[in-house]
C-alpha atoms as a PDB file:
ATOM      1  CA  MET A   1      81.507 103.933  79.124  1.00  0.00           C
ATOM      2  CA  SER A   2      79.727 107.127  80.180  1.00  0.00           C
ATOM      3  CA  PRO A   3      81.802 109.549  82.504  1.00  0.00           C
ATOM      4  CA  ASP A   4      79.143 109.083  85.064  1.00  0.00           C
ATOM      5  CA  HIS A   5      80.140 105.637  85.738  1.00  0.00           C
ATOM      6  CA  GLN A   6      83.652 105.660  84.376  1.00  0.00           C
ATOM      7  CA  GLN A   7      85.712 103.833  87.460  1.00  0.00           C
ATOM      8  CA  ALA A   8      89.608 103.728  87.649  1.00  0.00           C
ATOM      9  CA  VAL A   9      90.326 100.509  89.047  1.00  0.00           C
ATOM     10  CA  PRO A  10      94.050 100.140  89.267  1.00  0.00           C
ATOM     11  CA  ASP A  11      93.912  96.465  90.475  1.00  0.00           C
ATOM     12  CA  THR A  12      97.054  95.294  88.484  1.00  0.00           C
ATOM     13  CA  ALA A  13      99.162  97.501  90.639  1.00  0.00           C
ATOM     14  CA  ALA A  14      97.470  97.373  93.710  1.00  0.00           C
ATOM     15  CA  PRO A  15      99.190  94.522  95.586  1.00  0.00           C
ATOM     16  CA  GLY A  16     102.469  96.499  95.672  1.00  0.00           C
ATOM     17  CA  LEU A  17     100.847  99.867  96.621  1.00  0.00           C
ATOM     18  CA  ARG A  18      98.749  98.679  99.383  1.00  0.00           C
ATOM     19  CA  SER A  19     100.188  98.905 102.959  1.00  0.00           C
ATOM     20  CA  ASP A  20     101.384  95.502 104.488  1.00  0.00           C
ATOM     21  CA  CYS A  21     102.264  96.393 108.052  1.00  0.00           C
ATOM     22  CA  GLY A  22     103.501  92.850 108.714  1.00  0.00           C
ATOM     23  CA  SER A  23     106.240  93.260 106.361  1.00  0.00           C
ATOM     24  CA  CYS A  24     107.255  96.874 107.515  1.00  0.00           C
ATOM     25  CA  PHE A  25     109.531  97.690 110.428  1.00  0.00           C
ATOM     26  CA  GLY A  26     106.910 100.164 111.899  1.00  0.00           C
ATOM     27  CA  LEU A  27     108.714 103.075 109.916  1.00  0.00           C
ATOM     28  CA  CYS A  28     105.563 105.322 109.967  1.00  0.00           C
ATOM     29  CA  CYS A  29     105.506 104.856 113.625  1.00  0.00           C
ATOM     30  CA  VAL A  30     109.160 106.037 114.050  1.00  0.00           C
ATOM     31  CA  ALA A  31     110.360 107.910 111.076  1.00  0.00           C
ATOM     32  CA  LEU A  32     107.669 110.688 110.880  1.00  0.00           C
ATOM     33  CA  PRO A  33     106.945 113.430 113.296  1.00  0.00           C
ATOM     34  CA  PHE A  34     103.639 114.462 114.860  1.00  0.00           C
ATOM     35  CA  ALA A  35     102.374 117.133 117.197  1.00  0.00           C
ATOM     36  CA  ALA A  36      99.786 117.251 120.019  1.00  0.00           C
ATOM     37  CA  SER A  37      96.550 118.007 118.476  1.00  0.00           C
ATOM     38  CA  ALA A  38      92.964 116.768 117.674  1.00  0.00           C
ATOM     39  CA  ASP A  39      94.874 114.131 115.444  1.00  0.00           C
ATOM     40  CA  PHE A  40      97.657 113.073 117.986  1.00  0.00           C
ATOM     41  CA  ALA A  41      97.433 112.786 121.822  1.00  0.00           C
ATOM     42  CA  PHE A  42     101.121 113.829 122.331  1.00  0.00           C
ATOM     43  CA  ASP A  43     104.144 115.241 120.445  1.00  0.00           C
ATOM     44  CA  LYS A  44     106.846 112.977 118.687  1.00  0.00           C
ATOM     45  CA  ASP A  45     109.956 113.976 116.990  1.00  0.00           C
ATOM     46  CA  ALA A  46     111.062 112.335 113.546  1.00  0.00           C
ATOM     47  CA  GLY A  47     113.314 109.399 114.215  1.00  0.00           C
ATOM     48  CA  ARG A  48     111.935 108.710 117.728  1.00  0.00           C
ATOM     49  CA  PRO A  49     109.691 105.511 118.193  1.00  0.00           C
ATOM     50  CA  CYS A  50     106.121 106.286 119.189  1.00  0.00           C
ATOM     51  CA  PRO A  51     105.666 104.629 122.707  1.00  0.00           C
ATOM     52  CA  ASN A  52     102.863 102.604 121.365  1.00  0.00           C
ATOM     53  CA  LEU A  53     105.147 100.701 118.993  1.00  0.00           C
ATOM     54  CA  ARG A  54     105.660  97.103 120.153  1.00  0.00           C
ATOM     55  CA  THR A  55     108.877  94.932 119.861  1.00  0.00           C
ATOM     56  CA  ASP A  56     107.384  93.144 116.748  1.00  0.00           C
ATOM     57  CA  PHE A  57     106.738  96.536 114.973  1.00  0.00           C
ATOM     58  CA  ARG A  58     103.074  96.544 115.631  1.00  0.00           C
ATOM     59  CA  CYS A  59     100.847  99.113 117.202  1.00  0.00           C
ATOM     60  CA  GLY A  60      99.904  98.288 120.709  1.00  0.00           C
ATOM     61  CA  ILE A  61      96.730 100.182 120.726  1.00  0.00           C
ATOM     62  CA  HIS A  62      95.701  99.671 116.881  1.00  0.00           C
ATOM     63  CA  ALA A  63      92.325  98.892 117.872  1.00  0.00           C
ATOM     64  CA  GLU A  64      91.741 101.862 119.768  1.00  0.00           C
ATOM     65  CA  LEU A  65      93.570 104.432 117.961  1.00  0.00           C
ATOM     66  CA  ARG A  66      90.609 106.895 117.386  1.00  0.00           C
ATOM     67  CA  PRO A  67      89.279 106.640 121.253  1.00  0.00           C
ATOM     68  CA  ARG A  68      92.934 107.041 122.406  1.00  0.00           C
ATOM     69  CA  GLY A  69      93.441 110.326 120.488  1.00  0.00           C
ATOM     70  CA  PHE A  70      95.303 109.014 117.412  1.00  0.00           C
ATOM     71  CA  SER A  71      92.987 109.419 114.467  1.00  0.00           C
ATOM     72  CA  GLY A  72      95.947 110.794 112.657  1.00  0.00           C
ATOM     73  CA  CYS A  73      97.292 107.205 112.613  1.00  0.00           C
ATOM     74  CA  THR A  74      94.237 105.900 111.284  1.00  0.00           C
ATOM     75  CA  VAL A  75      94.154 108.102 108.039  1.00  0.00           C
ATOM     76  CA  PHE A  76      97.858 107.614 106.879  1.00  0.00           C
ATOM     77  CA  ASP A  77      98.585 105.571 103.921  1.00  0.00           C
ATOM     78  CA  CYS A  78     102.022 104.789 102.914  1.00  0.00           C
ATOM     79  CA  PHE A  79     100.928 103.293  99.582  1.00  0.00           C
ATOM     80  CA  GLY A  80     103.059 100.184 100.325  1.00  0.00           C
ATOM     81  CA  ALA A  81     106.296 102.356 100.877  1.00  0.00           C
ATOM     82  CA  GLY A  82     106.932 100.797 104.138  1.00  0.00           C
ATOM     83  CA  GLN A  83     107.238  97.340 103.115  1.00  0.00           C
ATOM     84  CA  LYS A  84     109.456  98.402 100.101  1.00  0.00           C
ATOM     85  CA  VAL A  85     111.867 100.155 102.265  1.00  0.00           C
ATOM     86  CA  SER A  86     112.028  97.472 104.798  1.00  0.00           C
ATOM     87  CA  GLN A  87     112.129  94.427 102.558  1.00  0.00           C
ATOM     88  CA  VAL A  88     113.685  95.669  99.284  1.00  0.00           C
ATOM     89  CA  THR A  89     115.946  98.753  99.886  1.00  0.00           C
ATOM     90  CA  PHE A  90     117.256  97.395 103.173  1.00  0.00           C
ATOM     91  CA  GLY A  91     116.768  93.680 102.359  1.00  0.00           C
ATOM     92  CA  GLY A  92     114.793  92.884 105.442  1.00  0.00           C
ATOM     93  CA  GLN A  93     117.511  94.294 107.878  1.00  0.00           C
ATOM     94  CA  ASP A  94     115.610  96.064 110.553  1.00  0.00           C
ATOM     95  CA  TRP A  95     116.801  99.304 112.323  1.00  0.00           C
ATOM     96  CA  ARG A  96     116.763  97.636 115.881  1.00  0.00           C
ATOM     97  CA  ARG A  97     118.943  94.844 114.929  1.00  0.00           C
ATOM     98  CA  ALA A  98     121.087  96.978 112.653  1.00  0.00           C
ATOM     99  CA  PRO A  99     120.955 100.611 114.465  1.00  0.00           C
ATOM    100  CA  GLY A 100     123.460 101.869 111.927  1.00  0.00           C
ATOM    101  CA  THR A 101     120.778 101.671 109.201  1.00  0.00           C
ATOM    102  CA  ALA A 102     118.148 103.541 111.328  1.00  0.00           C
ATOM    103  CA  ARG A 103     118.812 107.312 110.034  1.00  0.00           C
ATOM    104  CA  GLN A 104     119.132 106.432 106.563  1.00  0.00           C
ATOM    105  CA  MET A 105     116.096 104.148 106.646  1.00  0.00           C
ATOM    106  CA  PHE A 106     114.050 107.086 108.214  1.00  0.00           C
ATOM    107  CA  GLU A 107     115.327 109.363 105.588  1.00  0.00           C
ATOM    108  CA  VAL A 108     114.425 107.121 102.818  1.00  0.00           C
ATOM    109  CA  PHE A 109     111.069 106.242 103.949  1.00  0.00           C
ATOM    110  CA  PRO A 110     109.030 109.485 103.171  1.00  0.00           C
ATOM    111  CA  VAL A 111     110.912 109.538  99.691  1.00  0.00           C
ATOM    112  CA  MET A 112     109.630 106.256  98.960  1.00  0.00           C
ATOM    113  CA  ARG A 113     106.082 107.084 100.149  1.00  0.00           C
ATOM    114  CA  GLN A 114     105.852 109.984  97.619  1.00  0.00           C
ATOM    115  CA  LEU A 115     107.120 107.716  94.809  1.00  0.00           C
ATOM    116  CA  HIS A 116     104.450 105.081  95.711  1.00  0.00           C
ATOM    117  CA  GLU A 117     101.648 107.629  95.820  1.00  0.00           C
ATOM    118  CA  LEU A 118     102.789 108.897  92.290  1.00  0.00           C
ATOM    119  CA  LEU A 119     102.515 104.996  91.163  1.00  0.00           C
ATOM    120  CA  TRP A 120      98.859 104.820  92.667  1.00  0.00           C
ATOM    121  CA  TYR A 121      97.744 107.890  90.804  1.00  0.00           C
ATOM    122  CA  LEU A 122      99.664 106.785  87.358  1.00  0.00           C
ATOM    123  CA  ALA A 123      97.946 103.245  87.656  1.00  0.00           C
ATOM    124  CA  GLU A 124      94.564 105.011  88.172  1.00  0.00           C
ATOM    125  CA  ALA A 125      95.218 107.263  85.280  1.00  0.00           C
ATOM    126  CA  LEU A 126      96.282 104.079  83.027  1.00  0.00           C
ATOM    127  CA  ALA A 127      92.681 102.762  83.924  1.00  0.00           C
ATOM    128  CA  LEU A 128      90.874 105.671  82.481  1.00  0.00           C
ATOM    129  CA  PRO A 129      89.794 104.985  78.921  1.00  0.00           C
ATOM    130  CA  ALA A 130      89.419 108.665  78.028  1.00  0.00           C
ATOM    131  CA  ALA A 131      92.991 109.427  79.083  1.00  0.00           C
ATOM    132  CA  ARG A 132      94.054 107.189  76.256  1.00  0.00           C
ATOM    133  CA  PRO A 133      95.949 110.054  74.307  1.00  0.00           C
ATOM    134  CA  VAL A 134      98.516 110.240  77.272  1.00  0.00           C
ATOM    135  CA  HIS A 135      98.723 106.621  78.174  1.00  0.00           C
ATOM    136  CA  ALA A 136     102.100 106.156  76.370  1.00  0.00           C
ATOM    137  CA  GLY A 137     103.451 108.954  78.643  1.00  0.00           C
ATOM    138  CA  LEU A 138     102.058 107.728  81.587  1.00  0.00           C
ATOM    139  CA  ARG A 139     103.471 104.123  81.083  1.00  0.00           C
ATOM    140  CA  ALA A 140     106.787 105.706  80.613  1.00  0.00           C
ATOM    141  CA  ALA A 141     106.527 107.932  83.855  1.00  0.00           C
ATOM    142  CA  ARG A 142     105.237 104.627  85.807  1.00  0.00           C
ATOM    143  CA  GLU A 143     108.379 102.687  84.567  1.00  0.00           C
ATOM    144  CA  ARG A 144     110.725 105.444  85.594  1.00  0.00           C
ATOM    145  CA  THR A 145     108.993 106.032  88.782  1.00  0.00           C
ATOM    146  CA  GLU A 146     109.191 102.057  89.565  1.00  0.00           C
ATOM    147  CA  ALA A 147     112.890 102.173  88.656  1.00  0.00           C
ATOM    148  CA  LEU A 148     113.463 104.996  91.150  1.00  0.00           C
ATOM    149  CA  THR A 149     111.956 102.813  93.987  1.00  0.00           C
ATOM    150  CA  ARG A 150     114.405 100.053  93.102  1.00  0.00           C
ATOM    151  CA  GLY A 151     117.286 102.610  93.622  1.00  0.00           C
ATOM    152  CA  SER A 152     119.718 102.376  96.581  1.00  0.00           C
ATOM    153  CA  ALA A 153     119.334 104.222  99.743  1.00  0.00           C
ATOM    154  CA  GLU A 154     121.818 106.742  98.753  1.00  0.00           C
ATOM    155  CA  GLU A 155     120.160 107.167  95.196  1.00  0.00           C
ATOM    156  CA  LEU A 156     116.741 107.649  96.975  1.00  0.00           C
ATOM    157  CA  THR A 157     117.815 110.131  99.511  1.00  0.00           C
ATOM    158  CA  ALA A 158     119.586 112.228  96.793  1.00  0.00           C
ATOM    159  CA  LEU A 159     116.471 112.146  94.411  1.00  0.00           C
ATOM    160  CA  ASP A 160     114.905 115.409  93.521  1.00  0.00           C
ATOM    161  CA  VAL A 161     111.458 114.404  94.533  1.00  0.00           C
ATOM    162  CA  PRO A 162     109.707 117.779  93.630  1.00  0.00           C
ATOM    163  CA  ALA A 163     111.077 117.749  90.168  1.00  0.00           C
ATOM    164  CA  HIS A 164     109.902 114.286  89.393  1.00  0.00           C
ATOM    165  CA  ARG A 165     106.490 114.955  91.093  1.00  0.00           C
ATOM    166  CA  GLY A 166     106.200 117.916  88.686  1.00  0.00           C
ATOM    167  CA  GLU A 167     106.760 115.947  85.611  1.00  0.00           C
ATOM    168  CA  VAL A 168     104.466 113.146  86.649  1.00  0.00           C
ATOM    169  CA  ASN A 169     101.718 115.695  87.683  1.00  0.00           C
ATOM    170  CA  ALA A 170     101.657 117.431  84.390  1.00  0.00           C
ATOM    171  CA  LEU A 171     100.617 114.032  82.751  1.00  0.00           C
ATOM    172  CA  LEU A 172      98.024 113.470  85.689  1.00  0.00           C
ATOM    173  CA  LEU A 173      96.576 116.803  85.077  1.00  0.00           C
ATOM    174  CA  ARG A 174      96.355 116.211  81.249  1.00  0.00           C
ATOM    175  CA  ALA A 175      94.588 112.776  82.037  1.00  0.00           C
ATOM    176  CA  SER A 176      92.124 114.628  84.342  1.00  0.00           C
ATOM    177  CA  GLU A 177      91.334 117.047  81.748  1.00  0.00           C
ATOM    178  CA  LEU A 178      90.680 114.525  79.120  1.00  0.00           C
ATOM    179  CA  VAL A 179      88.196 112.737  81.565  1.00  0.00           C
ATOM    180  CA  ARG A 180      86.501 115.904  82.762  1.00  0.00           C
ATOM    181  CA  ALA A 181      86.229 117.090  79.182  1.00  0.00           C
ATOM    182  CA  GLU A 182      83.456 114.343  78.832  1.00  0.00           C
ATOM    183  CA  VAL A 183      81.341 115.811  81.387  1.00  0.00           C
ATOM    184  CA  PRO A 184      78.658 117.745  79.660  1.00  0.00           C
ATOM    185  CA  GLY A 185      78.146 121.518  80.753  1.00  0.00           C
ATOM    186  CA  PRO A 186      80.396 123.952  82.642  1.00  0.00           C
ATOM    187  CA  LYS A 187      82.899 122.595  85.395  1.00  0.00           C
ATOM    188  CA  LYS A 188      83.804 124.281  88.437  1.00  0.00           C
ATOM    189  CA  GLU A 189      87.520 125.347  88.682  1.00  0.00           C
ATOM    190  CA  ARG A 190      88.325 125.597  92.475  1.00  0.00           C
ATOM    191  CA  ARG A 191      91.927 124.317  92.241  1.00  0.00           C
ATOM    192  CA  GLY A 192      93.785 124.940  95.520  1.00  0.00           C
ATOM    193  CA  ALA A 193      90.447 126.788  96.760  1.00  0.00           C
ATOM    194  CA  ASP A 194      89.944 127.496 100.463  1.00  0.00           C
ATOM    195  CA  LEU A 195      86.624 125.778 101.374  1.00  0.00           C
ATOM    196  CA  LEU A 196      87.170 125.260 104.824  1.00  0.00           C
ATOM    197  CA  GLY A 197      83.892 124.778 106.572  1.00  0.00           C
ATOM    198  CA  ALA A 198      82.128 125.743 103.289  1.00  0.00           C
ATOM    199  CA  ARG A 199      78.438 125.030 102.961  1.00  0.00           C
ATOM    200  CA  LEU A 200      78.223 122.888  99.706  1.00  0.00           C
ATOM    201  CA  LYS A 201      75.137 120.706 100.505  1.00  0.00           C
ATOM    202  CA  GLY A 202      73.858 119.341  97.366  1.00  0.00           C
ATOM    203  CA  ALA A 203      76.355 121.115  95.344  1.00  0.00           C
ATOM    204  CA  ARG A 204      76.603 120.227  91.678  1.00  0.00           C
ATOM    205  CA  LEU A 205      80.474 119.579  91.450  1.00  0.00           C
ATOM    206  CA  ARG A 206      80.413 117.103  88.686  1.00  0.00           C
ATOM    207  CA  GLY A 207      83.516 117.086  86.676  1.00  0.00           C
ATOM    208  CA  ALA A 208      84.991 119.831  89.170  1.00  0.00           C
ATOM    209  CA  ASN A 209      88.648 120.598  89.379  1.00  0.00           C
ATOM    210  CA  LEU A 210      89.090 120.549  93.247  1.00  0.00           C
ATOM    211  CA  ARG A 211      92.818 119.613  93.080  1.00  0.00           C
ATOM    212  CA  GLY A 212      94.494 120.703  96.361  1.00  0.00           C
ATOM    213  CA  ALA A 213      91.471 122.273  97.706  1.00  0.00           C
ATOM    214  CA  CYS A 214      90.933 122.744 101.464  1.00  0.00           C
ATOM    215  CA  LEU A 215      87.670 121.132 102.295  1.00  0.00           C
ATOM    216  CA  VAL A 216      88.142 120.616 106.056  1.00  0.00           C
ATOM    217  CA  ALA A 217      84.818 120.235 107.659  1.00  0.00           C
ATOM    218  CA  ALA A 218      83.073 121.252 104.662  1.00  0.00           C
ATOM    219  CA  ASP A 219      79.381 120.149 104.401  1.00  0.00           C
ATOM    220  CA  LEU A 220      79.342 118.147 101.137  1.00  0.00           C
ATOM    221  CA  THR A 221      76.162 116.020 102.016  1.00  0.00           C
ATOM    222  CA  GLY A 222      74.419 115.027  98.896  1.00  0.00           C
ATOM    223  CA  ALA A 223      76.832 116.954  96.734  1.00  0.00           C
ATOM    224  CA  ASP A 224      77.365 115.583  93.105  1.00  0.00           C
ATOM    225  CA  LEU A 225      81.174 114.518  92.956  1.00  0.00           C
ATOM    226  CA  ARG A 226      81.125 112.307  89.979  1.00  0.00           C
ATOM    227  CA  THR A 227      84.331 112.423  88.118  1.00  0.00           C
ATOM    228  CA  ALA A 228      85.618 115.477  90.095  1.00  0.00           C
ATOM    229  CA  ASP A 229      89.337 115.613  90.328  1.00  0.00           C
ATOM    230  CA  LEU A 230      90.361 115.240  94.129  1.00  0.00           C
ATOM    231  CA  ILE A 231      93.929 114.905  93.879  1.00  0.00           C
ATOM    232  CA  GLY A 232      95.559 116.241  97.102  1.00  0.00           C
ATOM    233  CA  ALA A 233      92.342 117.707  98.382  1.00  0.00           C
ATOM    234  CA  ASP A 234      91.799 117.902 102.276  1.00  0.00           C
ATOM    235  CA  LEU A 235      88.857 116.269 103.327  1.00  0.00           C
ATOM    236  CA  ARG A 236      89.482 115.987 107.023  1.00  0.00           C
ATOM    237  CA  ASP A 237      86.204 116.035 108.821  1.00  0.00           C
ATOM    238  CA  ALA A 238      84.204 116.742 105.478  1.00  0.00           C
ATOM    239  CA  ASP A 239      80.570 115.511 105.484  1.00  0.00           C
ATOM    240  CA  LEU A 240      80.315 113.262 102.615  1.00  0.00           C
ATOM    241  CA  SER A 241      76.946 111.777 103.650  1.00  0.00           C
ATOM    242  CA  GLY A 242      74.697 111.014 100.617  1.00  0.00           C
ATOM    243  CA  ALA A 243      77.475 112.460  98.389  1.00  0.00           C
ATOM    244  CA  ASP A 244      78.135 110.908  95.152  1.00  0.00           C
ATOM    245  CA  LEU A 245      81.793 110.148  94.424  1.00  0.00           C
ATOM    246  CA  THR A 246      81.433 107.525  91.927  1.00  0.00           C
ATOM    247  CA  GLY A 247      84.310 107.801  89.250  1.00  0.00           C
ATOM    248  CA  ALA A 248      85.920 110.715  91.245  1.00  0.00           C
ATOM    249  CA  LEU A 249      89.593 111.251  90.015  1.00  0.00           C
ATOM    250  CA  PHE A 250      92.516 110.431  92.103  1.00  0.00           C
ATOM    251  CA  LEU A 251      90.824 110.043  95.342  1.00  0.00           C
ATOM    252  CA  THR A 252      92.353 108.008  97.952  1.00  0.00           C
ATOM    253  CA  GLN A 253      91.700 105.651 100.757  1.00  0.00           C
ATOM    254  CA  ALA A 254      93.276 107.942 103.229  1.00  0.00           C
ATOM    255  CA  GLN A 255      91.154 110.854 102.104  1.00  0.00           C
ATOM    256  CA  LEU A 256      88.090 108.817 102.668  1.00  0.00           C
ATOM    257  CA  ASP A 257      89.229 107.704 106.112  1.00  0.00           C
ATOM    258  CA  ALA A 258      89.794 111.363 107.185  1.00  0.00           C
ATOM    259  CA  ALA A 259      86.229 112.427 105.988  1.00  0.00           C
ATOM    260  CA  ARG A 260      82.754 111.460 107.482  1.00  0.00           C
ATOM    261  CA  GLY A 261      80.255 109.665 105.487  1.00  0.00           C
ATOM    262  CA  ASP A 262      77.471 107.055 105.588  1.00  0.00           C
ATOM    263  CA  ALA A 263      75.942 104.102 103.610  1.00  0.00           C
ATOM    264  CA  ALA A 264      74.418 106.442 101.102  1.00  0.00           C
ATOM    265  CA  THR A 265      77.805 107.891 100.057  1.00  0.00           C
ATOM    266  CA  GLY A 266      78.756 106.538  96.357  1.00  0.00           C
ATOM    267  CA  LEU A 267      82.262 105.590  96.080  1.00  0.00           C
ATOM    268  CA  PRO A 268      84.697 104.446  93.486  1.00  0.00           C
ATOM    269  CA  GLU A 269      85.273 100.758  93.067  1.00  0.00           C
ATOM    270  CA  ALA A 270      88.684 100.679  94.156  1.00  0.00           C
ATOM    271  CA  LEU A 271      88.103 102.171  97.544  1.00  0.00           C
ATOM    272  CA  SER A 272      86.269 100.812 100.810  1.00  0.00           C
ATOM    273  CA  ARG A 273      83.823 102.466 103.040  1.00  0.00           C
ATOM    274  CA  PRO A 274      85.579 103.321 106.151  1.00  0.00           C
ATOM    275  CA  ALA A 275      84.437 101.327 109.142  1.00  0.00           C
ATOM    276  CA  HIS A 276      84.000 104.518 111.455  1.00  0.00           C
ATOM    277  CA  TRP A 277      81.385 105.854 109.056  1.00  0.00           C
ATOM    278  CA  GLN A 278      79.038 102.941 109.910  1.00  0.00           C
ATOM    279  CA  ARG A 279      79.527 103.727 113.621  1.00  0.00           C
ATOM    280  CA  GLY A 280      78.392 107.206 113.114  1.00  0.00           C
END
């Protein structure tokens, strides 16, 4: 398959890496802090339940998050970490009925979230034929990461997450390089670039390295982002209308949800067109 249409669809791992809020104890609504801003209507400290969290651990304003000033909630993805912590690490014992577990549960959640994010990226990399030379290393990293997610609460909170991320990231970078090497012609190297509000309308970014780039409010209308590496890129309020992201590497649903786009935006097969795009 040509790199133009090479799609990474990690379906085999997706069920455990997609958020199941019905099996979670509202951890993202309690464990994580947020500050009053364009993304959140008020301040909330880590460990304090959001006042919109109901007794059944559901959000009381879920259908109105954006108009009520909580767009930040709509773009958060735990990659299934919430239900893993709730149902596996703590065996279905919720923090309200067992308040003694609350502090540790809230500390474990962000660790698990990072591990599940890595599992998502690893599953995607393993679906890339061009990355076959590093598939053995990727599989080993996936097995190691999965084993870590099954650790005890004490083991998870003691984990050196940056060190583990560094090991996995080296493999993901190599996978990206192998895939992008198949794209003909020169490729843009803009890793970590500050492209805040950049005018990139119609830009030729096919196979570009945009890892960790700040693309907040960038104009990417009609841009060619096929097979571009977008891992960790900040796409908040970026305009992707008419852009082609088919085959984009390590693009997540949360990144798309934070951006703007339209019916003409080309997307990887594993991701969905955000509902708010269609509402304009």
